[in-house]
Structures are given as structure tokens and as C-alpha cells.
Amino acid sequence: MVYDVVLRQAALVKRQLRSTDELDVKKDIPILGTLGLLSEAYDRCSEVCAEYAKTFYLGTMLMTPERRKAIWAIYVWCRRTDELVDGPNASHITPAALDRWEDRLEDVFSGRPFDMLDAA
């Protein structure tokens, strides 16, 4: 079941990448209403990455600031997904919850974030 969810997410990403000529890193746009909130979201992504992936985080310091923020945001999405299926509450995650998570990813790609970390 988890394998199927991962395959569906990968297919969604592949479709998204095919639909654009090039992959642009998002600029700080006021998705949440103010640039301050988006900046706070990126800061939180940075903190999560630094806490849980120290070496990976250090590697991102060699990137441009825009790319660094994008990588942190992707890492946080992947980390949250991993917690769903491998975390302490994984045994309580239902197929419906995984379907909602997939819908949430589609919403992110459509510019409709659920929370500040999704907005990053």
C-alpha cells in the first residue's frame, strides 16, 4: 500500500515536471498573505533540516539561497511523509489518511498549501 502511494506521488511529480519547460525555484511570493509568514516557513524548514539531517543541511549551505530554501522545503515534505508511514503513529495511519496526504500534495502543486510548511 505504501509502495502504491509512493508510486502515485512519483507519477504526479513526473507529470508536473513534464508540464513546465524548466524547473524554476519559487521566489518569495505572498502565498500566505505576507512575505514574513513565508520567510518564517522557510526558517522552520531550515530548522527541521538542521535538526534531522545535519550533514545534508551543511551541504545545502553550498547552494544559492533560493535553491537552499527549496531543498529545505522538499526535505520537510519528505520527512513528514516518512513520519506518516514509519513514525510512531504509523500503525494508526489509514489508507484514507494516505489518500488525504496525496490530495494535499496535489494541492501544493496547484498552489493551495494547507499550512505554512506546505507553502514553503
PDB file of N, CA and C in Angstrom:
ATOM      1  N   MET A   1       0.821  -1.179   0.000  1.00  0.00           N
ATOM      2  CA  MET A   1       0.000   0.000   0.000  1.00  0.00           C
ATOM      3  C   MET A   1       0.876   1.258   0.000  1.00  0.00           C
ATOM      4  N   VAL A   2       1.849   1.331   0.886  1.00  0.00           N
ATOM      5  CA  VAL A   2       2.743   2.493   0.928  1.00  0.00           C
ATOM      6  C   VAL A   2       3.477   2.627  -0.395  1.00  0.00           C
ATOM      7  N   TYR A   3       3.888   1.489  -0.948  1.00  0.00           N
ATOM      8  CA  TYR A   3       4.580   1.492  -2.230  1.00  0.00           C
ATOM      9  C   TYR A   3       3.706   2.138  -3.301  1.00  0.00           C
ATOM     10  N   ASP A   4       2.400   1.808  -3.293  1.00  0.00           N
ATOM     11  CA  ASP A   4       1.482   2.390  -4.272  1.00  0.00           C
ATOM     12  C   ASP A   4       1.375   3.903  -4.109  1.00  0.00           C
ATOM     13  N   VAL A   5       1.343   4.363  -2.864  1.00  0.00           N
ATOM     14  CA  VAL A   5       1.264   5.804  -2.609  1.00  0.00           C
ATOM     15  C   VAL A   5       2.509   6.502  -3.134  1.00  0.00           C
ATOM     16  N   VAL A   6       3.669   5.912  -2.877  1.00  0.00           N
ATOM     17  CA  VAL A   6       4.923   6.499  -3.353  1.00  0.00           C
ATOM     18  C   VAL A   6       4.940   6.537  -4.874  1.00  0.00           C
ATOM     19  N   LEU A   7       4.481   5.464  -5.507  1.00  0.00           N
ATOM     20  CA  LEU A   7       4.430   5.442  -6.973  1.00  0.00           C
ATOM     21  C   LEU A   7       3.493   6.519  -7.514  1.00  0.00           C
ATOM     22  N   ARG A   8       2.345   6.705  -6.857  1.00  0.00           N
ATOM     23  CA  ARG A   8       1.414   7.745  -7.304  1.00  0.00           C
ATOM     24  C   ARG A   8       2.025   9.134  -7.133  1.00  0.00           C
ATOM     25  N   GLN A   9       2.727   9.345  -6.030  1.00  0.00           N
ATOM     26  CA  GLN A   9       3.367  10.644  -5.817  1.00  0.00           C
ATOM     27  C   GLN A   9       4.462  10.880  -6.853  1.00  0.00           C
ATOM     28  N   ALA A  10       5.234   9.855  -7.157  1.00  0.00           N
ATOM     29  CA  ALA A  10       6.291   9.991  -8.160  1.00  0.00           C
ATOM     30  C   ALA A  10       5.690  10.305  -9.534  1.00  0.00           C
ATOM     31  N   ALA A  11       4.573   9.651  -9.863  1.00  0.00           N
ATOM     32  CA  ALA A  11       3.915   9.917 -11.142  1.00  0.00           C
ATOM     33  C   ALA A  11       3.396  11.350 -11.194  1.00  0.00           C
ATOM     34  N   LEU A  12       2.881  11.827 -10.065  1.00  0.00           N
ATOM     35  CA  LEU A  12       2.395  13.203 -10.002  1.00  0.00           C
ATOM     36  C   LEU A  12       3.538  14.187 -10.226  1.00  0.00           C
ATOM     37  N   VAL A  13       4.661  13.944  -9.606  1.00  0.00           N
ATOM     38  CA  VAL A  13       5.832  14.809  -9.788  1.00  0.00           C
ATOM     39  C   VAL A  13       6.288  14.766 -11.236  1.00  0.00           C
ATOM     40  N   LYS A  14       6.317  13.571 -11.814  1.00  0.00           N
ATOM     41  CA  LYS A  14       6.750  13.426 -13.204  1.00  0.00           C
ATOM     42  C   LYS A  14       5.832  14.215 -14.140  1.00  0.00           C
ATOM     43  N   ARG A  15       4.516  14.132 -13.903  1.00  0.00           N
ATOM     44  CA  ARG A  15       3.571  14.910 -14.720  1.00  0.00           C
ATOM     45  C   ARG A  15       3.819  16.402 -14.546  1.00  0.00           C
ATOM     46  N   GLN A  16       4.066  16.811 -13.311  1.00  0.00           N
ATOM     47  CA  GLN A  16       4.302  18.237 -13.035  1.00  0.00           C
ATOM     48  C   GLN A  16       5.553  18.719 -13.759  1.00  0.00           C
ATOM     49  N   LEU A  17       6.623  17.933 -13.714  1.00  0.00           N
ATOM     50  CA  LEU A  17       7.867  18.335 -14.366  1.00  0.00           C
ATOM     51  C   LEU A  17       7.711  18.391 -15.877  1.00  0.00           C
ATOM     52  N   ARG A  18       6.925  17.475 -16.434  1.00  0.00           N
ATOM     53  CA  ARG A  18       6.706  17.480 -17.872  1.00  0.00           C
ATOM     54  C   ARG A  18       5.890  18.684 -18.312  1.00  0.00           C
ATOM     55  N   SER A  19       5.078  19.222 -17.398  1.00  0.00           N
ATOM     56  CA  SER A  19       4.188  20.311 -17.783  1.00  0.00           C
ATOM     57  C   SER A  19       4.881  21.667 -17.814  1.00  0.00           C
ATOM     58  N   THR A  20       6.130  21.732 -17.396  1.00  0.00           N
ATOM     59  CA  THR A  20       6.853  23.002 -17.429  1.00  0.00           C
ATOM     60  C   THR A  20       8.100  22.851 -18.278  1.00  0.00           C
ATOM     61  N   ASP A  21       8.497  23.943 -18.905  1.00  0.00           N
ATOM     62  CA  ASP A  21       9.698  23.911 -19.732  1.00  0.00           C
ATOM     63  C   ASP A  21      10.952  23.759 -18.894  1.00  0.00           C
ATOM     64  N   GLU A  22      10.967  24.392 -17.750  1.00  0.00           N
ATOM     65  CA  GLU A  22      12.117  24.272 -16.870  1.00  0.00           C
ATOM     66  C   GLU A  22      11.614  24.341 -15.440  1.00  0.00           C
ATOM     67  N   LEU A  23      12.387  23.832 -14.546  1.00  0.00           N
ATOM     68  CA  LEU A  23      12.012  23.833 -13.143  1.00  0.00           C
ATOM     69  C   LEU A  23      12.531  25.103 -12.499  1.00  0.00           C
ATOM     70  N   ASP A  24      11.633  25.979 -12.151  1.00  0.00           N
ATOM     71  CA  ASP A  24      12.013  27.239 -11.513  1.00  0.00           C
ATOM     72  C   ASP A  24      11.870  27.106 -10.009  1.00  0.00           C
ATOM     73  N   VAL A  25      12.789  27.709  -9.303  1.00  0.00           N
ATOM     74  CA  VAL A  25      12.673  27.785  -7.857  1.00  0.00           C
ATOM     75  C   VAL A  25      11.717  28.924  -7.553  1.00  0.00           C
ATOM     76  N   LYS A  26      10.767  28.661  -6.650  1.00  0.00           N
ATOM     77  CA  LYS A  26       9.809  29.696  -6.294  1.00  0.00           C
ATOM     78  C   LYS A  26      10.510  30.900  -5.690  1.00  0.00           C
ATOM     79  N   LYS A  27      10.073  32.048  -6.071  1.00  0.00           N
ATOM     80  CA  LYS A  27      10.522  33.272  -5.417  1.00  0.00           C
ATOM     81  C   LYS A  27       9.645  33.461  -4.185  1.00  0.00           C
ATOM     82  N   ASP A  28      10.061  34.308  -3.290  1.00  0.00           N
ATOM     83  CA  ASP A  28       9.238  34.600  -2.123  1.00  0.00           C
ATOM     84  C   ASP A  28       8.007  35.378  -2.566  1.00  0.00           C
ATOM     85  N   ILE A  29       6.907  34.661  -2.732  1.00  0.00           N
ATOM     86  CA  ILE A  29       5.655  35.310  -3.094  1.00  0.00           C
ATOM     87  C   ILE A  29       4.715  35.203  -1.902  1.00  0.00           C
ATOM     88  N   PRO A  30       3.822  36.145  -1.760  1.00  0.00           N
ATOM     89  CA  PRO A  30       2.982  36.178  -0.564  1.00  0.00           C
ATOM     90  C   PRO A  30       1.844  35.167  -0.600  1.00  0.00           C
ATOM     91  N   ILE A  31       2.159  33.886  -0.635  1.00  0.00           N
ATOM     92  CA  ILE A  31       1.144  32.844  -0.658  1.00  0.00           C
ATOM     93  C   ILE A  31       0.292  32.897   0.602  1.00  0.00           C
ATOM     94  N   LEU A  32       0.912  33.126   1.720  1.00  0.00           N
ATOM     95  CA  LEU A  32       0.197  33.110   2.986  1.00  0.00           C
ATOM     96  C   LEU A  32      -0.329  34.483   3.383  1.00  0.00           C
ATOM     97  N   GLY A  33      -0.204  35.454   2.552  1.00  0.00           N
ATOM     98  CA  GLY A  33      -0.702  36.766   2.873  1.00  0.00           C
ATOM     99  C   GLY A  33       0.402  37.773   3.129  1.00  0.00           C
ATOM    100  N   THR A  34       1.515  37.346   3.667  1.00  0.00           N
ATOM    101  CA  THR A  34       2.636  38.260   3.881  1.00  0.00           C
ATOM    102  C   THR A  34       3.935  37.523   3.620  1.00  0.00           C
ATOM    103  N   LEU A  35       4.913  38.283   3.200  1.00  0.00           N
ATOM    104  CA  LEU A  35       6.237  37.691   2.976  1.00  0.00           C
ATOM    105  C   LEU A  35       6.837  37.201   4.279  1.00  0.00           C
ATOM    106  N   GLY A  36       6.483  37.846   5.379  1.00  0.00           N
ATOM    107  CA  GLY A  36       7.015  37.444   6.674  1.00  0.00           C
ATOM    108  C   GLY A  36       6.642  36.022   7.038  1.00  0.00           C
ATOM    109  N   LEU A  37       5.412  35.627   6.743  1.00  0.00           N
ATOM    110  CA  LEU A  37       4.984  34.265   7.055  1.00  0.00           C
ATOM    111  C   LEU A  37       5.697  33.247   6.177  1.00  0.00           C
ATOM    112  N   LEU A  38       5.893  33.586   4.914  1.00  0.00           N
ATOM    113  CA  LEU A  38       6.609  32.671   4.031  1.00  0.00           C
ATOM    114  C   LEU A  38       8.063  32.546   4.470  1.00  0.00           C
ATOM    115  N   SER A  39       8.657  33.651   4.847  1.00  0.00           N
ATOM    116  CA  SER A  39      10.025  33.627   5.355  1.00  0.00           C
ATOM    117  C   SER A  39      10.112  32.771   6.617  1.00  0.00           C
ATOM    118  N   GLU A  40       9.107  32.893   7.470  1.00  0.00           N
ATOM    119  CA  GLU A  40       9.048  32.073   8.687  1.00  0.00           C
ATOM    120  C   GLU A  40       8.926  30.585   8.336  1.00  0.00           C
ATOM    121  N   ALA A  41       8.164  30.277   7.293  1.00  0.00           N
ATOM    122  CA  ALA A  41       8.017  28.885   6.860  1.00  0.00           C
ATOM    123  C   ALA A  41       9.359  28.322   6.403  1.00  0.00           C
ATOM    124  N   TYR A  42      10.098  29.099   5.607  1.00  0.00           N
ATOM    125  CA  TYR A  42      11.421  28.648   5.176  1.00  0.00           C
ATOM    126  C   TYR A  42      12.370  28.505   6.360  1.00  0.00           C
ATOM    127  N   ASP A  43      12.275  29.424   7.318  1.00  0.00           N
ATOM    128  CA  ASP A  43      13.119  29.321   8.515  1.00  0.00           C
ATOM    129  C   ASP A  43      12.826  28.031   9.271  1.00  0.00           C
ATOM    130  N   ARG A  44      11.551  27.699   9.382  1.00  0.00           N
ATOM    131  CA  ARG A  44      11.178  26.461  10.081  1.00  0.00           C
ATOM    132  C   ARG A  44      11.686  25.247   9.310  1.00  0.00           C
ATOM    133  N   CYS A  45      11.579  25.263   7.992  1.00  0.00           N
ATOM    134  CA  CYS A  45      12.112  24.161   7.179  1.00  0.00           C
ATOM    135  C   CYS A  45      13.614  24.019   7.403  1.00  0.00           C
ATOM    136  N   SER A  46      14.300  25.139   7.494  1.00  0.00           N
ATOM    137  CA  SER A  46      15.738  25.126   7.765  1.00  0.00           C
ATOM    138  C   SER A  46      16.025  24.459   9.104  1.00  0.00           C
ATOM    139  N   GLU A  47      15.249  24.811  10.118  1.00  0.00           N
ATOM    140  CA  GLU A  47      15.441  24.235  11.454  1.00  0.00           C
ATOM    141  C   GLU A  47      15.211  22.729  11.456  1.00  0.00           C
ATOM    142  N   VAL A  48      14.161  22.289  10.780  1.00  0.00           N
ATOM    143  CA  VAL A  48      13.864  20.849  10.719  1.00  0.00           C
ATOM    144  C   VAL A  48      14.998  20.117  10.021  1.00  0.00           C
ATOM    145  N   CYS A  49      15.446  20.655   8.903  1.00  0.00           N
ATOM    146  CA  CYS A  49      16.539  20.031   8.152  1.00  0.00           C
ATOM    147  C   CYS A  49      17.809  19.982   8.996  1.00  0.00           C
ATOM    148  N   ALA A  50      18.129  21.071   9.672  1.00  0.00           N
ATOM    149  CA  ALA A  50      19.336  21.119  10.504  1.00  0.00           C
ATOM    150  C   ALA A  50      19.255  20.125  11.661  1.00  0.00           C
ATOM    151  N   GLU A  51      18.065  19.943  12.201  1.00  0.00           N
ATOM    152  CA  GLU A  51      17.870  19.035  13.340  1.00  0.00           C
ATOM    153  C   GLU A  51      17.983  17.565  12.943  1.00  0.00           C
ATOM    154  N   TYR A  52      17.348  17.199  11.826  1.00  0.00           N
ATOM    155  CA  TYR A  52      17.218  15.785  11.474  1.00  0.00           C
ATOM    156  C   TYR A  52      18.177  15.306  10.391  1.00  0.00           C
ATOM    157  N   ALA A  53      18.839  16.208   9.704  1.00  0.00           N
ATOM    158  CA  ALA A  53      19.739  15.805   8.613  1.00  0.00           C
ATOM    159  C   ALA A  53      20.952  16.729   8.600  1.00  0.00           C
ATOM    160  N   LYS A  54      21.727  16.658   9.636  1.00  0.00           N
ATOM    161  CA  LYS A  54      22.819  17.615   9.847  1.00  0.00           C
ATOM    162  C   LYS A  54      23.790  17.709   8.667  1.00  0.00           C
ATOM    163  N   THR A  55      24.262  16.577   8.178  1.00  0.00           N
ATOM    164  CA  THR A  55      25.217  16.595   7.071  1.00  0.00           C
ATOM    165  C   THR A  55      24.564  17.119   5.796  1.00  0.00           C
ATOM    166  N   PHE A  56      23.346  16.670   5.541  1.00  0.00           N
ATOM    167  CA  PHE A  56      22.594  17.148   4.383  1.00  0.00           C
ATOM    168  C   PHE A  56      22.415  18.664   4.473  1.00  0.00           C
ATOM    169  N   TYR A  57      22.051  19.135   5.651  1.00  0.00           N
ATOM    170  CA  TYR A  57      21.868  20.569   5.876  1.00  0.00           C
ATOM    171  C   TYR A  57      23.153  21.338   5.573  1.00  0.00           C
ATOM    172  N   LEU A  58      24.269  20.833   6.054  1.00  0.00           N
ATOM    173  CA  LEU A  58      25.547  21.504   5.785  1.00  0.00           C
ATOM    174  C   LEU A  58      25.824  21.575   4.286  1.00  0.00           C
ATOM    175  N   GLY A  59      25.476  20.522   3.562  1.00  0.00           N
ATOM    176  CA  GLY A  59      25.650  20.521   2.110  1.00  0.00           C
ATOM    177  C   GLY A  59      24.824  21.596   1.429  1.00  0.00           C
ATOM    178  N   THR A  60      23.652  21.889   1.983  1.00  0.00           N
ATOM    179  CA  THR A  60      22.816  22.929   1.373  1.00  0.00           C
ATOM    180  C   THR A  60      23.416  24.318   1.538  1.00  0.00           C
ATOM    181  N   MET A  61      24.339  24.458   2.455  1.00  0.00           N
ATOM    182  CA  MET A  61      24.985  25.761   2.646  1.00  0.00           C
ATOM    183  C   MET A  61      25.860  26.142   1.447  1.00  0.00           C
ATOM    184  N   LEU A  62      26.164  25.178   0.585  1.00  0.00           N
ATOM    185  CA  LEU A  62      26.953  25.440  -0.615  1.00  0.00           C
ATOM    186  C   LEU A  62      26.086  25.903  -1.786  1.00  0.00           C
ATOM    187  N   MET A  63      24.775  25.921  -1.591  1.00  0.00           N
ATOM    188  CA  MET A  63      23.836  26.283  -2.653  1.00  0.00           C
ATOM    189  C   MET A  63      23.473  27.762  -2.570  1.00  0.00           C
ATOM    190  N   THR A  64      22.840  28.234  -3.635  1.00  0.00           N
ATOM    191  CA  THR A  64      22.316  29.604  -3.602  1.00  0.00           C
ATOM    192  C   THR A  64      21.193  29.665  -2.565  1.00  0.00           C
ATOM    193  N   PRO A  65      20.928  30.831  -2.012  1.00  0.00           N
ATOM    194  CA  PRO A  65      19.857  30.938  -1.008  1.00  0.00           C
ATOM    195  C   PRO A  65      18.495  30.457  -1.521  1.00  0.00           C
ATOM    196  N   GLU A  66      18.162  30.756  -2.765  1.00  0.00           N
ATOM    197  CA  GLU A  66      16.877  30.330  -3.319  1.00  0.00           C
ATOM    198  C   GLU A  66      16.789  28.809  -3.404  1.00  0.00           C
ATOM    199  N   ARG A  67      17.841  28.199  -3.913  1.00  0.00           N
ATOM    200  CA  ARG A  67      17.852  26.745  -4.041  1.00  0.00           C
ATOM    201  C   ARG A  67      17.859  26.090  -2.661  1.00  0.00           C
ATOM    202  N   ARG A  68      18.625  26.650  -1.757  1.00  0.00           N
ATOM    203  CA  ARG A  68      18.711  26.128  -0.387  1.00  0.00           C
ATOM    204  C   ARG A  68      17.318  26.066   0.241  1.00  0.00           C
ATOM    205  N   LYS A  69      16.563  27.151   0.126  1.00  0.00           N
ATOM    206  CA  LYS A  69      15.215  27.174   0.706  1.00  0.00           C
ATOM    207  C   LYS A  69      14.315  26.128   0.055  1.00  0.00           C
ATOM    208  N   ALA A  70      14.429  25.989  -1.261  1.00  0.00           N
ATOM    209  CA  ALA A  70      13.616  24.993  -1.966  1.00  0.00           C
ATOM    210  C   ALA A  70      13.964  23.582  -1.499  1.00  0.00           C
ATOM    211  N   ILE A  71      15.242  23.295  -1.347  1.00  0.00           N
ATOM    212  CA  ILE A  71      15.681  21.966  -0.905  1.00  0.00           C
ATOM    213  C   ILE A  71      15.202  21.698   0.515  1.00  0.00           C
ATOM    214  N   TRP A  72      15.286  22.696   1.389  1.00  0.00           N
ATOM    215  CA  TRP A  72      14.792  22.515   2.760  1.00  0.00           C
ATOM    216  C   TRP A  72      13.301  22.201   2.753  1.00  0.00           C
ATOM    217  N   ALA A  73      12.544  22.907   1.934  1.00  0.00           N
ATOM    218  CA  ALA A  73      11.100  22.683   1.870  1.00  0.00           C
ATOM    219  C   ALA A  73      10.790  21.276   1.359  1.00  0.00           C
ATOM    220  N   ILE A  74      11.512  20.827   0.349  1.00  0.00           N
ATOM    221  CA  ILE A  74      11.312  19.466  -0.169  1.00  0.00           C
ATOM    222  C   ILE A  74      11.679  18.444   0.898  1.00  0.00           C
ATOM    223  N   TYR A  75      12.781  18.678   1.594  1.00  0.00           N
ATOM    224  CA  TYR A  75      13.194  17.762   2.661  1.00  0.00           C
ATOM    225  C   TYR A  75      12.093  17.640   3.717  1.00  0.00           C
ATOM    226  N   VAL A  76      11.519  18.769   4.115  1.00  0.00           N
ATOM    227  CA  VAL A  76      10.485  18.739   5.150  1.00  0.00           C
ATOM    228  C   VAL A  76       9.265  17.971   4.667  1.00  0.00           C
ATOM    229  N   TRP A  77       8.874  18.155   3.409  1.00  0.00           N
ATOM    230  CA  TRP A  77       7.734  17.381   2.886  1.00  0.00           C
ATOM    231  C   TRP A  77       8.053  15.883   2.957  1.00  0.00           C
ATOM    232  N   CYS A  78       9.233  15.506   2.513  1.00  0.00           N
ATOM    233  CA  CYS A  78       9.625  14.089   2.534  1.00  0.00           C
ATOM    234  C   CYS A  78       9.703  13.564   3.964  1.00  0.00           C
ATOM    235  N   ARG A  79      10.220  14.361   4.857  1.00  0.00           N
ATOM    236  CA  ARG A  79      10.319  13.961   6.266  1.00  0.00           C
ATOM    237  C   ARG A  79       8.932  13.733   6.856  1.00  0.00           C
ATOM    238  N   ARG A  80       8.002  14.625   6.572  1.00  0.00           N
ATOM    239  CA  ARG A  80       6.639  14.482   7.076  1.00  0.00           C
ATOM    240  C   ARG A  80       5.969  13.245   6.476  1.00  0.00           C
ATOM    241  N   THR A  81       6.216  12.996   5.208  1.00  0.00           N
ATOM    242  CA  THR A  81       5.666  11.799   4.577  1.00  0.00           C
ATOM    243  C   THR A  81       6.240  10.551   5.229  1.00  0.00           C
ATOM    244  N   ASP A  82       7.547  10.555   5.464  1.00  0.00           N
ATOM    245  CA  ASP A  82       8.200   9.422   6.116  1.00  0.00           C
ATOM    246  C   ASP A  82       7.622   9.183   7.508  1.00  0.00           C
ATOM    247  N   GLU A  83       7.358  10.238   8.244  1.00  0.00           N
ATOM    248  CA  GLU A  83       6.781  10.094   9.585  1.00  0.00           C
ATOM    249  C   GLU A  83       5.401   9.446   9.527  1.00  0.00           C
ATOM    250  N   LEU A  84       4.652   9.733   8.464  1.00  0.00           N
ATOM    251  CA  LEU A  84       3.334   9.108   8.318  1.00  0.00           C
ATOM    252  C   LEU A  84       3.438   7.593   8.240  1.00  0.00           C
ATOM    253  N   VAL A  85       4.401   7.118   7.485  1.00  0.00           N
ATOM    254  CA  VAL A  85       4.471   5.676   7.226  1.00  0.00           C
ATOM    255  C   VAL A  85       5.460   4.931   8.112  1.00  0.00           C
ATOM    256  N   ASP A  86       6.420   5.640   8.705  1.00  0.00           N
ATOM    257  CA  ASP A  86       7.430   4.985   9.541  1.00  0.00           C
ATOM    258  C   ASP A  86       7.499   5.531  10.961  1.00  0.00           C
ATOM    259  N   GLY A  87       6.741   6.560  11.257  1.00  0.00           N
ATOM    260  CA  GLY A  87       6.816   7.201  12.563  1.00  0.00           C
ATOM    261  C   GLY A  87       6.084   6.421  13.640  1.00  0.00           C
ATOM    262  N   PRO A  88       6.078   6.955  14.844  1.00  0.00           N
ATOM    263  CA  PRO A  88       5.476   6.256  15.977  1.00  0.00           C
ATOM    264  C   PRO A  88       3.977   6.013  15.827  1.00  0.00           C
ATOM    265  N   ASN A  89       3.297   6.797  15.018  1.00  0.00           N
ATOM    266  CA  ASN A  89       1.854   6.611  14.827  1.00  0.00           C
ATOM    267  C   ASN A  89       1.517   5.909  13.516  1.00  0.00           C
ATOM    268  N   ALA A  90       2.515   5.369  12.852  1.00  0.00           N
ATOM    269  CA  ALA A  90       2.305   4.758  11.533  1.00  0.00           C
ATOM    270  C   ALA A  90       1.263   3.645  11.561  1.00  0.00           C
ATOM    271  N   SER A  91       1.208   2.899  12.643  1.00  0.00           N
ATOM    272  CA  SER A  91       0.249   1.789  12.709  1.00  0.00           C
ATOM    273  C   SER A  91      -1.194   2.287  12.752  1.00  0.00           C
ATOM    274  N   HIS A  92      -1.387   3.565  13.026  1.00  0.00           N
ATOM    275  CA  HIS A  92      -2.733   4.136  13.092  1.00  0.00           C
ATOM    276  C   HIS A  92      -3.119   4.877  11.815  1.00  0.00           C
ATOM    277  N   ILE A  93      -2.203   4.963  10.865  1.00  0.00           N
ATOM    278  CA  ILE A  93      -2.479   5.679   9.618  1.00  0.00           C
ATOM    279  C   ILE A  93      -3.303   4.778   8.702  1.00  0.00           C
ATOM    280  N   THR A  94      -4.438   5.287   8.278  1.00  0.00           N
ATOM    281  CA  THR A  94      -5.350   4.518   7.433  1.00  0.00           C
ATOM    282  C   THR A  94      -5.092   4.818   5.956  1.00  0.00           C
ATOM    283  N   PRO A  95      -5.590   3.954   5.090  1.00  0.00           N
ATOM    284  CA  PRO A  95      -5.489   4.257   3.657  1.00  0.00           C
ATOM    285  C   PRO A  95      -6.151   5.601   3.309  1.00  0.00           C
ATOM    286  N   ALA A  96      -7.229   5.928   3.999  1.00  0.00           N
ATOM    287  CA  ALA A  96      -7.896   7.214   3.747  1.00  0.00           C
ATOM    288  C   ALA A  96      -6.979   8.381   4.117  1.00  0.00           C
ATOM    289  N   ALA A  97      -6.228   8.232   5.196  1.00  0.00           N
ATOM    290  CA  ALA A  97      -5.288   9.290   5.600  1.00  0.00           C
ATOM    291  C   ALA A  97      -4.198   9.460   4.550  1.00  0.00           C
ATOM    292  N   LEU A  98      -3.721   8.356   3.999  1.00  0.00           N
ATOM    293  CA  LEU A  98      -2.705   8.441   2.944  1.00  0.00           C
ATOM    294  C   LEU A  98      -3.278   9.079   1.684  1.00  0.00           C
ATOM    295  N   ASP A  99      -4.543   8.769   1.398  1.00  0.00           N
ATOM    296  CA  ASP A  99      -5.197   9.414   0.252  1.00  0.00           C
ATOM    297  C   ASP A  99      -5.313  10.922   0.472  1.00  0.00           C
ATOM    298  N   ARG A 100      -5.634  11.328   1.703  1.00  0.00           N
ATOM    299  CA  ARG A 100      -5.712  12.765   2.009  1.00  0.00           C
ATOM    300  C   ARG A 100      -4.341  13.413   1.858  1.00  0.00           C
ATOM    301  N   TRP A 101      -3.290  12.693   2.275  1.00  0.00           N
ATOM    302  CA  TRP A 101      -1.929  13.233   2.138  1.00  0.00           C
ATOM    303  C   TRP A 101      -1.584  13.416   0.655  1.00  0.00           C
ATOM    304  N   GLU A 102      -1.992  12.454  -0.161  1.00  0.00           N
ATOM    305  CA  GLU A 102      -1.755  12.573  -1.605  1.00  0.00           C
ATOM    306  C   GLU A 102      -2.517  13.769  -2.177  1.00  0.00           C
ATOM    307  N   ASP A 103      -3.770  13.939  -1.745  1.00  0.00           N
ATOM    308  CA  ASP A 103      -4.551  15.097  -2.193  1.00  0.00           C
ATOM    309  C   ASP A 103      -3.867  16.398  -1.779  1.00  0.00           C
ATOM    310  N   ARG A 104      -3.300  16.369  -0.602  1.00  0.00           N
ATOM    311  CA  ARG A 104      -2.598  17.556  -0.102  1.00  0.00           C
ATOM    312  C   ARG A 104      -1.396  17.889  -0.989  1.00  0.00           C
ATOM    313  N   LEU A 105      -0.672  16.861  -1.443  1.00  0.00           N
ATOM    314  CA  LEU A 105       0.450  17.085  -2.349  1.00  0.00           C
ATOM    315  C   LEU A 105      -0.037  17.705  -3.655  1.00  0.00           C
ATOM    316  N   GLU A 106      -1.133  17.197  -4.173  1.00  0.00           N
ATOM    317  CA  GLU A 106      -1.695  17.769  -5.393  1.00  0.00           C
ATOM    318  C   GLU A 106      -2.089  19.228  -5.170  1.00  0.00           C
ATOM    319  N   ASP A 107      -2.622  19.523  -3.985  1.00  0.00           N
ATOM    320  CA  ASP A 107      -2.965  20.911  -3.658  1.00  0.00           C
ATOM    321  C   ASP A 107      -1.715  21.792  -3.615  1.00  0.00           C
ATOM    322  N   VAL A 108      -0.629  21.264  -3.078  1.00  0.00           N
ATOM    323  CA  VAL A 108       0.631  22.021  -3.040  1.00  0.00           C
ATOM    324  C   VAL A 108       1.058  22.376  -4.459  1.00  0.00           C
ATOM    325  N   PHE A 109       1.027  21.383  -5.356  1.00  0.00           N
ATOM    326  CA  PHE A 109       1.428  21.632  -6.743  1.00  0.00           C
ATOM    327  C   PHE A 109       0.479  22.599  -7.455  1.00  0.00           C
ATOM    328  N   SER A 110      -0.755  22.679  -6.957  1.00  0.00           N
ATOM    329  CA  SER A 110      -1.739  23.590  -7.550  1.00  0.00           C
ATOM    330  C   SER A 110      -1.731  24.966  -6.895  1.00  0.00           C
ATOM    331  N   GLY A 111      -0.803  25.177  -5.959  1.00  0.00           N
ATOM    332  CA  GLY A 111      -0.704  26.478  -5.307  1.00  0.00           C
ATOM    333  C   GLY A 111      -1.679  26.687  -4.176  1.00  0.00           C
ATOM    334  N   ARG A 112      -2.176  25.584  -3.586  1.00  0.00           N
ATOM    335  CA  ARG A 112      -3.114  25.677  -2.470  1.00  0.00           C
ATOM    336  C   ARG A 112      -2.533  24.963  -1.247  1.00  0.00           C
ATOM    337  N   PRO A 113      -1.587  25.597  -0.563  1.00  0.00           N
ATOM    338  CA  PRO A 113      -0.970  24.945   0.595  1.00  0.00           C
ATOM    339  C   PRO A 113      -1.946  24.824   1.760  1.00  0.00           C
ATOM    340  N   PHE A 114      -1.777  23.765   2.535  1.00  0.00           N
ATOM    341  CA  PHE A 114      -2.620  23.531   3.707  1.00  0.00           C
ATOM    342  C   PHE A 114      -2.090  24.282   4.922  1.00  0.00           C
ATOM    343  N   ASP A 115      -0.768  24.325   5.049  1.00  0.00           N
ATOM    344  CA  ASP A 115      -0.161  25.007   6.188  1.00  0.00           C
ATOM    345  C   ASP A 115       1.114  25.715   5.744  1.00  0.00           C
ATOM    346  N   MET A 116       1.785  26.348   6.691  1.00  0.00           N
ATOM    347  CA  MET A 116       2.950  27.154   6.316  1.00  0.00           C
ATOM    348  C   MET A 116       4.078  26.316   5.745  1.00  0.00           C
ATOM    349  N   LEU A 117       4.251  25.078   6.220  1.00  0.00           N
ATOM    350  CA  LEU A 117       5.318  24.243   5.674  1.00  0.00           C
ATOM    351  C   LEU A 117       4.996  23.824   4.246  1.00  0.00           C
ATOM    352  N   ASP A 118       3.724  23.577   3.960  1.00  0.00           N
ATOM    353  CA  ASP A 118       3.327  23.290   2.577  1.00  0.00           C
ATOM    354  C   ASP A 118       3.588  24.501   1.684  1.00  0.00           C
ATOM    355  N   ALA A 119       3.373  25.684   2.218  1.00  0.00           N
ATOM    356  CA  ALA A 119       3.555  26.904   1.424  1.00  0.00           C
ATOM    357  C   ALA A 119       5.009  27.117   1.038  1.00  0.00           C
ATOM    358  N   ALA A 120       5.916  26.672   1.899  1.00  0.00           N
ATOM    359  CA  ALA A 120       7.342  26.827   1.591  1.00  0.00           C
ATOM    360  C   ALA A 120       7.680  25.985   0.385  1.00  0.00           C
TER     361      ALA A 120
END
